[in-house]
Every structure is written in structure tokens, then in C-alpha cells.
Amino acid sequence: MSTPISRRTFLRFSGALVTGSLLAACSAPEAAAPQTGSEGGEATASSDTIKLIWDTFRGPGTGWNEERIETFKELHPNIDIEFRPLTGSSQQDNYGKMYAMHAAGDLGDIIAFDPSHYHFWRAIDKGIIGPMDELMEADDLDLSQWFEQFITIQRYKGKIYGLPSWGWAGHDTMVINKRHFEEAGIEPPDPMGHETSMETYGEWARTFYKEGERFGMAFPYSESAVAVLCRIWNTTFINEEGTRCLILDDERAQAAFRWLYDLAVVDKVLPSPGGDLNVAAAQLEGKITMNWAGSLNVRNFDRDIQDPSIAEAWQGLFPTREDGRFPCQIRGGTWNINASSAHPQEAYEFIKHITNFEGCLGFNLVAGQGALVRPDVLDELVKQNPIHEWFIPNLENGIPAYAPANSRGREYTDAITQRVQLLLDPNDPIPFEQGLEDLHKAVQDVLDMDPA
């Protein structure tokens, strides 16, 4: 079981680690500031003080954002950064707020419209975020600092619009309470292997279920899990172009949903969708054996265990596909520059600061984000807790997410969640074929909408 690292401990660690690089950075010349004012920053007639605004819902309350601002100020004393936390009730609400702030001319210089929340392309097409190619080329930035797949999702129409923030392989994992396996005399799966069949996972879900006491498995009823479900059966939920839902055209997709329907509705060994059960807390209490989730959830489960006699963190991966790929959905975030910023050069320098080794390490250990986007950071995380090594295979051999071509991300994910919950509700069951048709229609209706 890992021990959370405090902000003070992280600062001591990162400060000792990078003293040499900070000294070198301090000697770098400051870039000249543009002299025209616009949304997102106050341009001044002189270069004495430059003000940037950072709008984000990533990390507030953890101390990470303040530490990044403080250490950047040490390197660039003429740049002030105002941190404005976004505190909407959901991530999607925060994106809505940023669109409104843009429309009102009040959006910050440093922002984030994440690819895996399906807002990245929409924000580019609307002129909200600008490309970084020229800044990177002038800086000779080494993009190999990050895993290639997380740089790839920063690209659109031949340009690059951000640097990676968070990133993982999606809901690609069974988060397992190993104690239940030991008590039952069952050998747990290899945490880095892909040999366990879905038939075996189904058998385990039924075996570990105890009516009124324990669920054998939990499923998140989300787009990210549904996408991986179909990929396990060697197909896909929507086509790569993001224009068609395929679940009625492909018997493999239907078999995937039938497997899940039988567990949820027929055998009733999964928690009901829409209930008030806190799955993470229930697993810590020994009330759930397997939770279909991702690497960040494995890490959090391991971190939060209080009684090792009740729970021990483990994971099981899904079987290798026929094409040799591992079933997952590479998901990631981004840090962007407001296209209307008066100070793109300075904003770029700050984005480099929050995505470098120290920034990314703190994003994991202090901000609590799943930021497995840099090989050097992943190496350090493995040293601190070997559980991170379990996540490497899917990061190296994963499959990118397929996004709706019309950038209707919120409508797309909402439609899936609502219809999957109806399909898999054991308390108000509907015939499998009807539920699948309803899910297909709801999703295809979204994909057929005009671009956002």
C-alpha cells in the first residue's frame, strides 16, 4: 500500500532533483512581449510586468497549481499569473463555462479543452485555442519527452495545439480485491498479462457475488467503458471516422453487450445503475471484488486501503485482440493557449513549466491526477510504487479513442450513459434487443447532429 506524498515533501524532492536545470533556465533570455491587448491577458506598454490568467479545473485545492506558479515566478519575475479555479459541478459544466467566458471575452491565456472529453477539435474550429507549432519550432522543443500517443492527440489538421496534461489507457482494467481471491483459493490474474478470458471474468463475477453482502463486479456504465467493451470483442462502438454507431451491424458488438447484460440483468451480480452506491468506498470495505475501471483507480484503491486484512490492490487486464492490440482507449488531456492571448510566448513558457518532469510528477503526486504521459515520470512513479509498472503494457500498445466527428462530446457521452443504464437496469428490465436498439438510436441521433 502506497503512502500519499505531501506538497511539502514533493517540493523538497523536486527542488533537490532539478536545481541544476533551474539554474540553467534562469539564465535563458526573456522573450519580448507582444504590445497589443486582447482577451485573456493585459498587454502593457512596457515589458516590466506581464499578466497571464490560468483558468482550469485541474488541481485546485491541492497546492499543485500554486507551486507551479511560485516556481515559474522564480524563473520569470516579470510575469504574474492569476490562477482562476473552475469549480463547476462536473467537468462538462466547466467546459460550458469556458465557452461562455470566451464569448464574453473573459477567458484566460492558459486553458484546457481536452481531446478525450471531445472538446479539443470544437475549440480549435471555433478559434478558441491556437496552434503552438511556431513556438515549438523556435524553441526546438523535444517532443519525445512525452509518450508519442499523448502527443498525437494534440494534433489536428496538421498542427499541434497543446502539450499533454493527464493521460492513461482508459477503463482498461479490472481493479481487483486480491483478498477475495486468496480466501476463495483462486489464483488471481497476472497484473501485466492479457490471458484472462471474458468467460473467466464472468465466472468470477458470479462466484464472488454474495446476495446482500458483496457484488462480484461493478461496471461504470460510461462511454469510456463501453468503448473498451466492444474492443475486447474485436470490434468498435463507433467507427474511426466518428460518424456511425456499429452495435446493430456487428454480431461481435452484440455478443459483448449480451455478456454484460447477462451479468447485470439476468444474474444480477452487478450494482444497479443509478443507485447511490459509492463503488470505490464499497470496494475498500470488501463489498465489491472486481471494479471495471482504469489505472488511476488501481492506484487510488491501493492508496486508500486502511485495513489490509479486508483489501489488497490487484488488477486484471483484458484479453489480447486478434490484431495483437490490447483492449483499451488511450485518453488524455491538454494544456492550450488562448488564440486571443496577448502573450502567447509567455503562456507557452508556462505550459512547458507545468508539463515538464517536475510539473508532471507533481500533477500525479500532489494534484492526484492520472498523468502517465512522460516516460521519465512513469519511471519515477514505479520507483515510488511498483504498482505503476502494471500500467505500462497498455500505454505502449493501446488504441486511441474514436471521437464523434461533429464534436458533440457532451451529447454523445450523455446518450451512452443514459441508455446503457436503462439497458442494464435489473430493477426495471427491458428486453435485450429493445435496449440495444434504443442505445443505437440515441447515439446515432447524436452523431447525425450538425457540428457543435
Foldseek 3Di string as FASTA:
>chain_A
DFAFDAPVRLCVVVCVVCVVVLVVLLPDDDDDFFQDDFFAWDHDPDQQATEFEAEEQFQPPLCLVVVLQVSVCVSVVRYHYHYDYDDDPDPVVSVVVQVVCVVVSHHHFKYWDFVQLLRLVVCVVVQFFDFCVVVCVVVVDDLQQWPPVQQVSQDDPHTGFFHFAAWAFWLFKWKFFVLLCVVVVHDDDDLQDAPDALVNLLVQQLVSFDPPFAFAEEEDLWPQRLQLLLVLLVHGQADLLQQAGCCVPDVSSLVSVVSLQCSQAVVNRYDAPPDPDDVLVCVLQLRYGIYRTGDLSLVVSQNPRDDSNRGDIGIDGHHQHPVRFGRTAITTIGMGGGSGHSGNSVSVVSSCSCPHLSNNLCSCRRSVGNHPTGPVSLVVVCVSPVSSVSRPRCSVRHDHDRHQNLSPSVQQGVLSSVLSSQPRGNVNHDDNVVSVVSSNVSNNVSSPDHRD
